[in-house]
Amino acid sequence: MSLILAKVFGLYFLVIAAAFFLNPDRFKNLYGKIAHDENFLFLGGLLAVLIGAVIISLHNEWVWGWPVIITILGWWSLAKGGALLAFPESIKFFSFIQNQPPMFYRILSLVYFGLGLFLAYKGWR
């Protein structure tokens, strides 16, 4: 299961990295709009809980090594989704993201790219 999820997350983070790098202004605007849209926050919370629950159910492996990254992503998704559903104002904690210059998104894209490349490598090697 670790290899399949490494491939999925690897591709996900590589695509997100490219989008952040190529369109930083778009994501800055989107974060600003998302923070003020109750419907989006609710649906985003539901989706995050669902994704987190699936990952944890299939891959709750606390091992010393790279597969724990997938487990942490699952728990992070579950916690983030739960926070959005129970405490929608918690999104304000992340409001600093929308106030960052475009270079912030480009730097973040490099982090996502590194994580995506690492997971894709582990999944397909």
PDB file of N, CA and C in Angstrom:
ATOM      1  N   MET A   1       0.819  -1.193   0.000  1.00  0.00           N
ATOM      2  CA  MET A   1       0.000   0.000   0.000  1.00  0.00           C
ATOM      3  C   MET A   1       0.864   1.259   0.000  1.00  0.00           C
ATOM      4  N   SER A   2       2.013   1.192   0.655  1.00  0.00           N
ATOM      5  CA  SER A   2       2.898   2.361   0.712  1.00  0.00           C
ATOM      6  C   SER A   2       3.319   2.809  -0.680  1.00  0.00           C
ATOM      7  N   LEU A   3       3.618   1.856  -1.545  1.00  0.00           N
ATOM      8  CA  LEU A   3       4.081   2.209  -2.886  1.00  0.00           C
ATOM      9  C   LEU A   3       2.986   2.879  -3.706  1.00  0.00           C
ATOM     10  N   ILE A   4       1.768   2.378  -3.600  1.00  0.00           N
ATOM     11  CA  ILE A   4       0.654   2.981  -4.341  1.00  0.00           C
ATOM     12  C   ILE A   4       0.406   4.403  -3.859  1.00  0.00           C
ATOM     13  N   LEU A   5       0.331   4.585  -2.550  1.00  0.00           N
ATOM     14  CA  LEU A   5       0.080   5.922  -2.014  1.00  0.00           C
ATOM     15  C   LEU A   5       1.257   6.859  -2.270  1.00  0.00           C
ATOM     16  N   ALA A   6       2.475   6.337  -2.306  1.00  0.00           N
ATOM     17  CA  ALA A   6       3.632   7.171  -2.642  1.00  0.00           C
ATOM     18  C   ALA A   6       3.511   7.678  -4.076  1.00  0.00           C
ATOM     19  N   LYS A   7       3.047   6.831  -4.982  1.00  0.00           N
ATOM     20  CA  LYS A   7       2.840   7.260  -6.371  1.00  0.00           C
ATOM     21  C   LYS A   7       1.760   8.330  -6.457  1.00  0.00           C
ATOM     22  N   VAL A   8       0.638   8.098  -5.767  1.00  0.00           N
ATOM     23  CA  VAL A   8      -0.477   9.049  -5.797  1.00  0.00           C
ATOM     24  C   VAL A   8      -0.041  10.400  -5.240  1.00  0.00           C
ATOM     25  N   PHE A   9       0.538  10.402  -4.044  1.00  0.00           N
ATOM     26  CA  PHE A   9       0.964  11.662  -3.429  1.00  0.00           C
ATOM     27  C   PHE A   9       2.124  12.293  -4.192  1.00  0.00           C
ATOM     28  N   GLY A  10       2.997  11.464  -4.743  1.00  0.00           N
ATOM     29  CA  GLY A  10       4.098  12.000  -5.538  1.00  0.00           C
ATOM     30  C   GLY A  10       3.582  12.805  -6.714  1.00  0.00           C
ATOM     31  N   LEU A  11       2.653  12.223  -7.458  1.00  0.00           N
ATOM     32  CA  LEU A  11       2.069  12.939  -8.598  1.00  0.00           C
ATOM     33  C   LEU A  11       1.298  14.172  -8.143  1.00  0.00           C
ATOM     34  N   TYR A  12       0.545  14.033  -7.070  1.00  0.00           N
ATOM     35  CA  TYR A  12      -0.236  15.155  -6.541  1.00  0.00           C
ATOM     36  C   TYR A  12       0.673  16.345  -6.220  1.00  0.00           C
ATOM     37  N   PHE A  13       1.726  16.101  -5.457  1.00  0.00           N
ATOM     38  CA  PHE A  13       2.609  17.199  -5.059  1.00  0.00           C
ATOM     39  C   PHE A  13       3.392  17.765  -6.240  1.00  0.00           C
ATOM     40  N   LEU A  14       3.740  16.944  -7.218  1.00  0.00           N
ATOM     41  CA  LEU A  14       4.429  17.460  -8.399  1.00  0.00           C
ATOM     42  C   LEU A  14       3.524  18.388  -9.208  1.00  0.00           C
ATOM     43  N   VAL A  15       2.263  18.009  -9.377  1.00  0.00           N
ATOM     44  CA  VAL A  15       1.320  18.857 -10.118  1.00  0.00           C
ATOM     45  C   VAL A  15       1.048  20.150  -9.358  1.00  0.00           C
ATOM     46  N   ILE A  16       0.815  20.045  -8.051  1.00  0.00           N
ATOM     47  CA  ILE A  16       0.572  21.242  -7.234  1.00  0.00           C
ATOM     48  C   ILE A  16       1.794  22.161  -7.264  1.00  0.00           C
ATOM     49  N   ALA A  17       2.980  21.596  -7.211  1.00  0.00           N
ATOM     50  CA  ALA A  17       4.205  22.398  -7.258  1.00  0.00           C
ATOM     51  C   ALA A  17       4.283  23.186  -8.558  1.00  0.00           C
ATOM     52  N   ALA A  18       3.983  22.530  -9.674  1.00  0.00           N
ATOM     53  CA  ALA A  18       4.020  23.223 -10.967  1.00  0.00           C
ATOM     54  C   ALA A  18       2.992  24.350 -11.007  1.00  0.00           C
ATOM     55  N   ALA A  19       1.789  24.085 -10.509  1.00  0.00           N
ATOM     56  CA  ALA A  19       0.735  25.102 -10.510  1.00  0.00           C
ATOM     57  C   ALA A  19       1.122  26.297  -9.639  1.00  0.00           C
ATOM     58  N   PHE A  20       1.646  26.038  -8.451  1.00  0.00           N
ATOM     59  CA  PHE A  20       2.071  27.130  -7.556  1.00  0.00           C
ATOM     60  C   PHE A  20       3.194  27.944  -8.194  1.00  0.00           C
ATOM     61  N   PHE A  21       4.134  27.263  -8.823  1.00  0.00           N
ATOM     62  CA  PHE A  21       5.280  27.960  -9.406  1.00  0.00           C
ATOM     63  C   PHE A  21       4.863  28.819 -10.593  1.00  0.00           C
ATOM     64  N   LEU A  22       3.970  28.296 -11.430  1.00  0.00           N
ATOM     65  CA  LEU A  22       3.571  29.004 -12.648  1.00  0.00           C
ATOM     66  C   LEU A  22       2.505  30.067 -12.413  1.00  0.00           C
ATOM     67  N   ASN A  23       1.686  29.918 -11.372  1.00  0.00           N
ATOM     68  CA  ASN A  23       0.565  30.837 -11.134  1.00  0.00           C
ATOM     69  C   ASN A  23       0.491  31.319  -9.689  1.00  0.00           C
ATOM     70  N   PRO A  24       1.532  31.920  -9.154  1.00  0.00           N
ATOM     71  CA  PRO A  24       1.491  32.302  -7.735  1.00  0.00           C
ATOM     72  C   PRO A  24       0.402  33.322  -7.416  1.00  0.00           C
ATOM     73  N   ASP A  25       0.149  34.258  -8.320  1.00  0.00           N
ATOM     74  CA  ASP A  25      -0.884  35.272  -8.063  1.00  0.00           C
ATOM     75  C   ASP A  25      -2.275  34.651  -7.993  1.00  0.00           C
ATOM     76  N   ARG A  26      -2.511  33.664  -8.821  1.00  0.00           N
ATOM     77  CA  ARG A  26      -3.811  32.979  -8.819  1.00  0.00           C
ATOM     78  C   ARG A  26      -4.071  32.327  -7.462  1.00  0.00           C
ATOM     79  N   PHE A  27      -3.069  31.657  -6.921  1.00  0.00           N
ATOM     80  CA  PHE A  27      -3.253  30.972  -5.643  1.00  0.00           C
ATOM     81  C   PHE A  27      -3.377  31.955  -4.486  1.00  0.00           C
ATOM     82  N   LYS A  28      -2.687  33.066  -4.579  1.00  0.00           N
ATOM     83  CA  LYS A  28      -2.824  34.104  -3.557  1.00  0.00           C
ATOM     84  C   LYS A  28      -4.270  34.595  -3.514  1.00  0.00           C
ATOM     85  N   ASN A  29      -4.850  34.854  -4.682  1.00  0.00           N
ATOM     86  CA  ASN A  29      -6.252  35.295  -4.756  1.00  0.00           C
ATOM     87  C   ASN A  29      -7.214  34.209  -4.292  1.00  0.00           C
ATOM     88  N   LEU A  30      -6.952  32.970  -4.672  1.00  0.00           N
ATOM     89  CA  LEU A  30      -7.822  31.862  -4.268  1.00  0.00           C
ATOM     90  C   LEU A  30      -7.850  31.693  -2.756  1.00  0.00           C
ATOM     91  N   TYR A  31      -6.694  31.768  -2.110  1.00  0.00           N
ATOM     92  CA  TYR A  31      -6.660  31.634  -0.654  1.00  0.00           C
ATOM     93  C   TYR A  31      -7.474  32.727   0.015  1.00  0.00           C
ATOM     94  N   GLY A  32      -7.428  33.928  -0.558  1.00  0.00           N
ATOM     95  CA  GLY A  32      -8.226  35.025  -0.002  1.00  0.00           C
ATOM     96  C   GLY A  32      -9.713  34.768  -0.116  1.00  0.00           C
ATOM     97  N   LYS A  33     -10.148  34.217  -1.248  1.00  0.00           N
ATOM     98  CA  LYS A  33     -11.573  33.936  -1.459  1.00  0.00           C
ATOM     99  C   LYS A  33     -12.047  32.744  -0.631  1.00  0.00           C
ATOM    100  N   ILE A  34     -11.223  31.719  -0.539  1.00  0.00           N
ATOM    101  CA  ILE A  34     -11.587  30.511   0.204  1.00  0.00           C
ATOM    102  C   ILE A  34     -11.856  30.828   1.668  1.00  0.00           C
ATOM    103  N   ALA A  35     -11.038  31.688   2.242  1.00  0.00           N
ATOM    104  CA  ALA A  35     -11.149  32.003   3.672  1.00  0.00           C
ATOM    105  C   ALA A  35     -12.476  32.657   4.026  1.00  0.00           C
ATOM    106  N   HIS A  36     -13.183  33.200   3.033  1.00  0.00           N
ATOM    107  CA  HIS A  36     -14.439  33.907   3.299  1.00  0.00           C
ATOM    108  C   HIS A  36     -15.662  33.182   2.740  1.00  0.00           C
ATOM    109  N   ASP A  37     -15.493  31.952   2.283  1.00  0.00           N
ATOM    110  CA  ASP A  37     -16.598  31.204   1.677  1.00  0.00           C
ATOM    111  C   ASP A  37     -16.962  30.014   2.565  1.00  0.00           C
ATOM    112  N   GLU A  38     -18.051  30.154   3.344  1.00  0.00           N
ATOM    113  CA  GLU A  38     -18.495  29.098   4.275  1.00  0.00           C
ATOM    114  C   GLU A  38     -18.753  27.776   3.560  1.00  0.00           C
ATOM    115  N   ASN A  39     -19.379  27.838   2.385  1.00  0.00           N
ATOM    116  CA  ASN A  39     -19.696  26.609   1.652  1.00  0.00           C
ATOM    117  C   ASN A  39     -18.423  25.867   1.254  1.00  0.00           C
ATOM    118  N   PHE A  40     -17.460  26.612   0.760  1.00  0.00           N
ATOM    119  CA  PHE A  40     -16.213  25.979   0.358  1.00  0.00           C
ATOM    120  C   PHE A  40     -15.488  25.387   1.562  1.00  0.00           C
ATOM    121  N   LEU A  41     -15.476  26.123   2.670  1.00  0.00           N
ATOM    122  CA  LEU A  41     -14.820  25.616   3.877  1.00  0.00           C
ATOM    123  C   LEU A  41     -15.479  24.326   4.357  1.00  0.00           C
ATOM    124  N   PHE A  42     -16.809  24.275   4.306  1.00  0.00           N
ATOM    125  CA  PHE A  42     -17.530  23.077   4.735  1.00  0.00           C
ATOM    126  C   PHE A  42     -17.204  21.897   3.818  1.00  0.00           C
ATOM    127  N   LEU A  43     -17.308  22.103   2.501  1.00  0.00           N
ATOM    128  CA  LEU A  43     -17.019  21.016   1.561  1.00  0.00           C
ATOM    129  C   LEU A  43     -15.545  20.609   1.616  1.00  0.00           C
ATOM    130  N   GLY A  44     -14.668  21.594   1.764  1.00  0.00           N
ATOM    131  CA  GLY A  44     -13.245  21.287   1.897  1.00  0.00           C
ATOM    132  C   GLY A  44     -12.966  20.472   3.147  1.00  0.00           C
ATOM    133  N   GLY A  45     -13.657  20.808   4.242  1.00  0.00           N
ATOM    134  CA  GLY A  45     -13.505  20.048   5.479  1.00  0.00           C
ATOM    135  C   GLY A  45     -13.981  18.614   5.324  1.00  0.00           C
ATOM    136  N   LEU A  46     -15.143  18.440   4.683  1.00  0.00           N
ATOM    137  CA  LEU A  46     -15.656  17.084   4.447  1.00  0.00           C
ATOM    138  C   LEU A  46     -14.691  16.261   3.603  1.00  0.00           C
ATOM    139  N   LEU A  47     -14.190  16.865   2.540  1.00  0.00           N
ATOM    140  CA  LEU A  47     -13.275  16.156   1.652  1.00  0.00           C
ATOM    141  C   LEU A  47     -11.970  15.804   2.368  1.00  0.00           C
ATOM    142  N   ALA A  48     -11.451  16.739   3.153  1.00  0.00           N
ATOM    143  CA  ALA A  48     -10.210  16.474   3.890  1.00  0.00           C
ATOM    144  C   ALA A  48     -10.400  15.348   4.909  1.00  0.00           C
ATOM    145  N   VAL A  49     -11.546  15.334   5.606  1.00  0.00           N
ATOM    146  CA  VAL A  49     -11.829  14.255   6.563  1.00  0.00           C
ATOM    147  C   VAL A  49     -11.918  12.919   5.830  1.00  0.00           C
ATOM    148  N   LEU A  50     -12.609  12.897   4.700  1.00  0.00           N
ATOM    149  CA  LEU A  50     -12.750  11.659   3.932  1.00  0.00           C
ATOM    150  C   LEU A  50     -11.390  11.143   3.467  1.00  0.00           C
ATOM    151  N   ILE A  51     -10.587  12.017   2.884  1.00  0.00           N
ATOM    152  CA  ILE A  51      -9.265  11.604   2.401  1.00  0.00           C
ATOM    153  C   ILE A  51      -8.396  11.131   3.562  1.00  0.00           C
ATOM    154  N   GLY A  52      -8.400  11.880   4.652  1.00  0.00           N
ATOM    155  CA  GLY A  52      -7.615  11.482   5.820  1.00  0.00           C
ATOM    156  C   GLY A  52      -8.060  10.144   6.381  1.00  0.00           C
ATOM    157  N   ALA A  53      -9.373   9.943   6.479  1.00  0.00           N
ATOM    158  CA  ALA A  53      -9.899   8.685   7.019  1.00  0.00           C
ATOM    159  C   ALA A  53      -9.520   7.500   6.134  1.00  0.00           C
ATOM    160  N   VAL A  54      -9.577   7.682   4.818  1.00  0.00           N
ATOM    161  CA  VAL A  54      -9.204   6.602   3.898  1.00  0.00           C
ATOM    162  C   VAL A  54      -7.718   6.276   4.048  1.00  0.00           C
ATOM    163  N   ILE A  55      -6.886   7.302   4.065  1.00  0.00           N
ATOM    164  CA  ILE A  55      -5.443   7.065   4.189  1.00  0.00           C
ATOM    165  C   ILE A  55      -5.118   6.370   5.508  1.00  0.00           C
ATOM    166  N   ILE A  56      -5.696   6.855   6.593  1.00  0.00           N
ATOM    167  CA  ILE A  56      -5.421   6.252   7.904  1.00  0.00           C
ATOM    168  C   ILE A  56      -5.922   4.809   7.953  1.00  0.00           C
ATOM    169  N   SER A  57      -7.084   4.555   7.357  1.00  0.00           N
ATOM    170  CA  SER A  57      -7.634   3.192   7.354  1.00  0.00           C
ATOM    171  C   SER A  57      -6.762   2.230   6.557  1.00  0.00           C
ATOM    172  N   LEU A  58      -6.191   2.710   5.473  1.00  0.00           N
ATOM    173  CA  LEU A  58      -5.382   1.851   4.613  1.00  0.00           C
ATOM    174  C   LEU A  58      -3.902   1.842   4.983  1.00  0.00           C
ATOM    175  N   HIS A  59      -3.456   2.899   5.640  1.00  0.00           N
ATOM    176  CA  HIS A  59      -2.011   3.050   5.830  1.00  0.00           C
ATOM    177  C   HIS A  59      -1.700   3.774   7.136  1.00  0.00           C
ATOM    178  N   ASN A  60      -1.979   3.156   8.249  1.00  0.00           N
ATOM    179  CA  ASN A  60      -1.656   3.744   9.547  1.00  0.00           C
ATOM    180  C   ASN A  60      -0.402   3.060  10.078  1.00  0.00           C
ATOM    181  N   GLU A  61       0.703   3.298   9.383  1.00  0.00           N
ATOM    182  CA  GLU A  61       1.960   2.619   9.688  1.00  0.00           C
ATOM    183  C   GLU A  61       2.943   3.590  10.323  1.00  0.00           C
ATOM    184  N   TRP A  62       3.196   3.401  11.600  1.00  0.00           N
ATOM    185  CA  TRP A  62       4.163   4.226  12.313  1.00  0.00           C
ATOM    186  C   TRP A  62       5.479   3.464  12.355  1.00  0.00           C
ATOM    187  N   VAL A  63       6.203   3.542  11.253  1.00  0.00           N
ATOM    188  CA  VAL A  63       7.476   2.836  11.122  1.00  0.00           C
ATOM    189  C   VAL A  63       8.596   3.862  10.989  1.00  0.00           C
ATOM    190  N   TRP A  64       9.802   3.413  11.249  1.00  0.00           N
ATOM    191  CA  TRP A  64      10.950   4.284  11.068  1.00  0.00           C
ATOM    192  C   TRP A  64      11.351   4.200   9.598  1.00  0.00           C
ATOM    193  N   GLY A  65      11.032   5.210   8.834  1.00  0.00           N
ATOM    194  CA  GLY A  65      11.342   5.229   7.410  1.00  0.00           C
ATOM    195  C   GLY A  65      10.359   6.106   6.661  1.00  0.00           C
ATOM    196  N   TRP A  66      10.524   6.146   5.354  1.00  0.00           N
ATOM    197  CA  TRP A  66       9.738   7.065   4.540  1.00  0.00           C
ATOM    198  C   TRP A  66       8.233   6.799   4.556  1.00  0.00           C
ATOM    199  N   PRO A  67       7.721   5.563   4.731  1.00  0.00           N
ATOM    200  CA  PRO A  67       6.269   5.369   4.719  1.00  0.00           C
ATOM    201  C   PRO A  67       5.518   6.163   5.786  1.00  0.00           C
ATOM    202  N   VAL A  68       6.197   6.570   6.850  1.00  0.00           N
ATOM    203  CA  VAL A  68       5.520   7.354   7.887  1.00  0.00           C
ATOM    204  C   VAL A  68       5.071   8.714   7.340  1.00  0.00           C
ATOM    205  N   ILE A  69       5.699   9.190   6.274  1.00  0.00           N
ATOM    206  CA  ILE A  69       5.275  10.455   5.650  1.00  0.00           C
ATOM    207  C   ILE A  69       3.822  10.344   5.201  1.00  0.00           C
ATOM    208  N   ILE A  70       3.458   9.213   4.625  1.00  0.00           N
ATOM    209  CA  ILE A  70       2.087   9.002   4.149  1.00  0.00           C
ATOM    210  C   ILE A  70       1.122   8.970   5.326  1.00  0.00           C
ATOM    211  N   THR A  71       1.505   8.299   6.393  1.00  0.00           N
ATOM    212  CA  THR A  71       0.665   8.255   7.594  1.00  0.00           C
ATOM    213  C   THR A  71       0.459   9.658   8.158  1.00  0.00           C
ATOM    214  N   ILE A  72       1.515  10.437   8.220  1.00  0.00           N
ATOM    215  CA  ILE A  72       1.413  11.809   8.736  1.00  0.00           C
ATOM    216  C   ILE A  72       0.512  12.652   7.840  1.00  0.00           C
ATOM    217  N   LEU A  73       0.615  12.484   6.522  1.00  0.00           N
ATOM    218  CA  LEU A  73      -0.273  13.213   5.608  1.00  0.00           C
ATOM    219  C   LEU A  73      -1.738  12.848   5.861  1.00  0.00           C
ATOM    220  N   GLY A  74      -2.002  11.581   6.137  1.00  0.00           N
ATOM    221  CA  GLY A  74      -3.367  11.148   6.437  1.00  0.00           C
ATOM    222  C   GLY A  74      -3.905  11.768   7.706  1.00  0.00           C
ATOM    223  N   TRP A  75      -3.108  11.743   8.763  1.00  0.00           N
ATOM    224  CA  TRP A  75      -3.544  12.339  10.029  1.00  0.00           C
ATOM    225  C   TRP A  75      -3.675  13.852   9.907  1.00  0.00           C
ATOM    226  N   TRP A  76      -2.774  14.483   9.151  1.00  0.00           N
ATOM    227  CA  TRP A  76      -2.856  15.933   8.934  1.00  0.00           C
ATOM    228  C   TRP A  76      -4.162  16.274   8.220  1.00  0.00           C
ATOM    229  N   SER A  77      -4.503  15.505   7.197  1.00  0.00           N
ATOM    230  CA  SER A  77      -5.737  15.746   6.451  1.00  0.00           C
ATOM    231  C   SER A  77      -6.961  15.583   7.343  1.00  0.00           C
ATOM    232  N   LEU A  78      -6.981  14.539   8.153  1.00  0.00           N
ATOM    233  CA  LEU A  78      -8.102  14.311   9.062  1.00  0.00           C
ATOM    234  C   LEU A  78      -8.228  15.457  10.071  1.00  0.00           C
ATOM    235  N   ALA A  79      -7.112  15.871  10.645  1.00  0.00           N
ATOM    236  CA  ALA A  79      -7.131  16.954  11.638  1.00  0.00           C
ATOM    237  C   ALA A  79      -7.542  18.281  11.004  1.00  0.00           C
ATOM    238  N   LYS A  80      -7.007  18.570   9.841  1.00  0.00           N
ATOM    239  CA  LYS A  80      -7.344  19.824   9.162  1.00  0.00           C
ATOM    240  C   LYS A  80      -8.819  19.847   8.786  1.00  0.00           C
ATOM    241  N   GLY A  81      -9.318  18.749   8.236  1.00  0.00           N
ATOM    242  CA  GLY A  81     -10.731  18.669   7.878  1.00  0.00           C
ATOM    243  C   GLY A  81     -11.630  18.791   9.088  1.00  0.00           C
ATOM    244  N   GLY A  82     -11.275  18.110  10.165  1.00  0.00           N
ATOM    245  CA  GLY A  82     -12.058  18.209  11.396  1.00  0.00           C
ATOM    246  C   GLY A  82     -12.074  19.622  11.943  1.00  0.00           C
ATOM    247  N   ALA A  83     -10.935  20.293  11.882  1.00  0.00           N
ATOM    248  CA  ALA A  83     -10.863  21.684  12.358  1.00  0.00           C
ATOM    249  C   ALA A  83     -11.730  22.596  11.498  1.00  0.00           C
ATOM    250  N   LEU A  84     -11.719  22.386  10.191  1.00  0.00           N
ATOM    251  CA  LEU A  84     -12.550  23.216   9.309  1.00  0.00           C
ATOM    252  C   LEU A  84     -14.036  23.002   9.572  1.00  0.00           C
ATOM    253  N   LEU A  85     -14.421  21.772   9.890  1.00  0.00           N
ATOM    254  CA  LEU A  85     -15.830  21.489  10.165  1.00  0.00           C
ATOM    255  C   LEU A  85     -16.254  21.996  11.541  1.00  0.00           C
ATOM    256  N   ALA A  86     -15.447  21.742  12.547  1.00  0.00           N
ATOM    257  CA  ALA A  86     -15.817  22.098  13.920  1.00  0.00           C
ATOM    258  C   ALA A  86     -15.531  23.560  14.253  1.00  0.00           C
ATOM    259  N   PHE A  87     -14.463  24.081  13.689  1.00  0.00           N
ATOM    260  CA  PHE A  87     -14.040  25.454  13.989  1.00  0.00           C
ATOM    261  C   PHE A  87     -13.697  26.174  12.687  1.00  0.00           C
ATOM    262  N   PRO A  88     -14.695  26.570  11.900  1.00  0.00           N
ATOM    263  CA  PRO A  88     -14.398  27.187  10.601  1.00  0.00           C
ATOM    264  C   PRO A  88     -13.526  28.435  10.707  1.00  0.00           C
ATOM    265  N   GLU A  89     -13.573  29.090  11.860  1.00  0.00           N
ATOM    266  CA  GLU A  89     -12.732  30.277  12.027  1.00  0.00           C
ATOM    267  C   GLU A  89     -11.251  29.912  12.126  1.00  0.00           C
ATOM    268  N   SER A  90     -10.950  28.614  12.264  1.00  0.00           N
ATOM    269  CA  SER A  90      -9.550  28.187  12.339  1.00  0.00           C
ATOM    270  C   SER A  90      -8.808  28.464  11.035  1.00  0.00           C
ATOM    271  N   ILE A  91      -9.546  28.692   9.953  1.00  0.00           N
ATOM    272  CA  ILE A  91      -8.904  29.011   8.674  1.00  0.00           C
ATOM    273  C   ILE A  91      -8.117  30.311   8.794  1.00  0.00           C
ATOM    274  N   LYS A  92      -8.501  31.157   9.724  1.00  0.00           N
ATOM    275  CA  LYS A  92      -7.787  32.425   9.903  1.00  0.00           C
ATOM    276  C   LYS A  92      -6.348  32.191  10.338  1.00  0.00           C
ATOM    277  N   PHE A  93      -6.107  31.036  10.943  1.00  0.00           N
ATOM    278  CA  PHE A  93      -4.741  30.680  11.311  1.00  0.00           C
ATOM    279  C   PHE A  93      -3.854  30.634  10.072  1.00  0.00           C
ATOM    280  N   PHE A  94      -4.441  30.248   8.944  1.00  0.00           N
ATOM    281  CA  PHE A  94      -3.693  30.133   7.699  1.00  0.00           C
ATOM    282  C   PHE A  94      -3.784  31.386   6.839  1.00  0.00           C
ATOM    283  N   SER A  95      -4.405  32.444   7.352  1.00  0.00           N
ATOM    284  CA  SER A  95      -4.590  33.652   6.548  1.00  0.00           C
ATOM    285  C   SER A  95      -3.269  34.330   6.209  1.00  0.00           C
ATOM    286  N   PHE A  96      -2.221  34.001   6.952  1.00  0.00           N
ATOM    287  CA  PHE A  96      -0.925  34.593   6.616  1.00  0.00           C
ATOM    288  C   PHE A  96      -0.505  34.211   5.199  1.00  0.00           C
ATOM    289  N   ILE A  97      -1.014  33.091   4.692  1.00  0.00           N
ATOM    290  CA  ILE A  97      -0.651  32.632   3.352  1.00  0.00           C
ATOM    291  C   ILE A  97      -1.105  33.631   2.299  1.00  0.00           C
ATOM    292  N   GLN A  98      -2.314  34.155   2.452  1.00  0.00           N
ATOM    293  CA  GLN A  98      -2.830  35.062   1.435  1.00  0.00           C
ATOM    294  C   GLN A  98      -2.115  36.412   1.449  1.00  0.00           C
ATOM    295  N   ASN A  99      -1.429  36.744   2.518  1.00  0.00           N
ATOM    296  CA  ASN A  99      -0.730  38.022   2.609  1.00  0.00           C
ATOM    297  C   ASN A  99       0.720  37.949   2.136  1.00  0.00           C
ATOM    298  N   GLN A 100       1.124  36.808   1.639  1.00  0.00           N
ATOM    299  CA  GLN A 100       2.511  36.630   1.213  1.00  0.00           C
ATOM    300  C   GLN A 100       2.698  37.068  -0.242  1.00  0.00           C
ATOM    301  N   PRO A 101       3.900  37.498  -0.595  1.00  0.00           N
ATOM    302  CA  PRO A 101       4.179  37.864  -1.989  1.00  0.00           C
ATOM    303  C   PRO A 101       4.253  36.611  -2.861  1.00  0.00           C
ATOM    304  N   PRO A 102       4.173  36.788  -4.181  1.00  0.00           N
ATOM    305  CA  PRO A 102       4.232  35.632  -5.089  1.00  0.00           C
ATOM    306  C   PRO A 102       5.467  34.750  -4.880  1.00  0.00           C
ATOM    307  N   MET A 103       6.571  35.333  -4.460  1.00  0.00           N
ATOM    308  CA  MET A 103       7.782  34.535  -4.249  1.00  0.00           C
ATOM    309  C   MET A 103       7.562  33.465  -3.172  1.00  0.00           C
ATOM    310  N   PHE A 104       6.709  33.727  -2.194  1.00  0.00           N
ATOM    311  CA  PHE A 104       6.382  32.742  -1.161  1.00  0.00           C
ATOM    312  C   PHE A 104       5.829  31.470  -1.800  1.00  0.00           C
ATOM    313  N   TYR A 105       4.938  31.644  -2.792  1.00  0.00           N
ATOM    314  CA  TYR A 105       4.329  30.492  -3.459  1.00  0.00           C
ATOM    315  C   TYR A 105       5.355  29.744  -4.296  1.00  0.00           C
ATOM    316  N   ARG A 106       6.284  30.475  -4.861  1.00  0.00           N
ATOM    317  CA  ARG A 106       7.334  29.810  -5.633  1.00  0.00           C
ATOM    318  C   ARG A 106       8.248  28.999  -4.710  1.00  0.00           C
ATOM    319  N   ILE A 107       8.559  29.543  -3.551  1.00  0.00           N
ATOM    320  CA  ILE A 107       9.379  28.801  -2.582  1.00  0.00           C
ATOM    321  C   ILE A 107       8.607  27.588  -2.066  1.00  0.00           C
ATOM    322  N   LEU A 108       7.325  27.779  -1.768  1.00  0.00           N
ATOM    323  CA  LEU A 108       6.482  26.665  -1.332  1.00  0.00           C
ATOM    324  C   LEU A 108       6.416  25.588  -2.413  1.00  0.00           C
ATOM    325  N   SER A 109       6.386  26.019  -3.673  1.00  0.00           N
ATOM    326  CA  SER A 109       6.343  25.045  -4.768  1.00  0.00           C
ATOM    327  C   SER A 109       7.605  24.188  -4.788  1.00  0.00           C
ATOM    328  N   LEU A 110       8.734  24.745  -4.397  1.00  0.00           N
ATOM    329  CA  LEU A 110       9.970  23.958  -4.349  1.00  0.00           C
ATOM    330  C   LEU A 110       9.907  22.900  -3.251  1.00  0.00           C
ATOM    331  N   VAL A 111       9.286  23.241  -2.128  1.00  0.00           N
ATOM    332  CA  VAL A 111       9.091  22.264  -1.049  1.00  0.00           C
ATOM    333  C   VAL A 111       8.174  21.145  -1.542  1.00  0.00           C
ATOM    334  N   TYR A 112       7.059  21.525  -2.177  1.00  0.00           N
ATOM    335  CA  TYR A 112       6.132  20.527  -2.715  1.00  0.00           C
ATOM    336  C   TYR A 112       6.809  19.676  -3.786  1.00  0.00           C
ATOM    337  N   PHE A 113       7.614  20.320  -4.625  1.00  0.00           N
ATOM    338  CA  PHE A 113       8.312  19.588  -5.677  1.00  0.00           C
ATOM    339  C   PHE A 113       9.257  18.553  -5.067  1.00  0.00           C
ATOM    340  N   GLY A 114      10.005  18.959  -4.047  1.00  0.00           N
ATOM    341  CA  GLY A 114      10.920  18.023  -3.389  1.00  0.00           C
ATOM    342  C   GLY A 114      10.188  16.846  -2.773  1.00  0.00           C
ATOM    343  N   LEU A 115       9.081  17.132  -2.088  1.00  0.00           N
ATOM    344  CA  LEU A 115       8.292  16.063  -1.476  1.00  0.00           C
ATOM    345  C   LEU A 115       7.696  15.156  -2.550  1.00  0.00           C
ATOM    346  N   GLY A 116       7.168  15.757  -3.610  1.00  0.00           N
ATOM    347  CA  GLY A 116       6.591  14.975  -4.700  1.00  0.00           C
ATOM    348  C   GLY A 116       7.620  14.108  -5.394  1.00  0.00           C
ATOM    349  N   LEU A 117       8.781  14.671  -5.649  1.00  0.00           N
ATOM    350  CA  LEU A 117       9.848  13.917  -6.300  1.00  0.00           C
ATOM    351  C   LEU A 117      10.299  12.751  -5.422  1.00  0.00           C
ATOM    352  N   PHE A 118      10.445  13.005  -4.133  1.00  0.00           N
ATOM    353  CA  PHE A 118      10.858  11.957  -3.198  1.00  0.00           C
ATOM    354  C   PHE A 118       9.838  10.819  -3.164  1.00  0.00           C
ATOM    355  N   LEU A 119       8.556  11.165  -3.016  1.00  0.00           N
ATOM    356  CA  LEU A 119       7.525  10.123  -2.939  1.00  0.00           C
ATOM    357  C   LEU A 119       7.377   9.380  -4.265  1.00  0.00           C
ATOM    358  N   ALA A 120       7.442  10.105  -5.383  1.00  0.00           N
ATOM    359  CA  ALA A 120       7.351   9.445  -6.689  1.00  0.00           C
ATOM    360  C   ALA A 120       8.529   8.489  -6.886  1.00  0.00           C
ATOM    361  N   TYR A 121       9.702   8.916  -6.492  1.00  0.00           N
ATOM    362  CA  TYR A 121      10.881   8.052  -6.587  1.00  0.00           C
ATOM    363  C   TYR A 121      10.687   6.781  -5.764  1.00  0.00           C
ATOM    364  N   LYS A 122      10.220   6.944  -4.527  1.00  0.00           N
ATOM    365  CA  LYS A 122      10.001   5.781  -3.667  1.00  0.00           C
ATOM    366  C   LYS A 122       8.920   4.865  -4.243  1.00  0.00           C
ATOM    367  N   GLY A 123       7.905   5.449  -4.851  1.00  0.00           N
ATOM    368  CA  GLY A 123       6.809   4.657  -5.400  1.00  0.00           C
ATOM    369  C   GLY A 123       7.170   3.897  -6.663  1.00  0.00           C
ATOM    370  N   TRP A 124       8.032   4.488  -7.501  1.00  0.00           N
ATOM    371  CA  TRP A 124       8.328   3.878  -8.795  1.00  0.00           C
ATOM    372  C   TRP A 124       9.719   3.269  -8.911  1.00  0.00           C
ATOM    373  N   ARG A 125      10.502   3.303  -7.873  1.00  0.00           N
ATOM    374  CA  ARG A 125      11.864   2.767  -8.023  1.00  0.00           C
ATOM    375  C   ARG A 125      11.886   1.263  -8.031  1.00  0.00           C
TER     376      ARG A 125
END
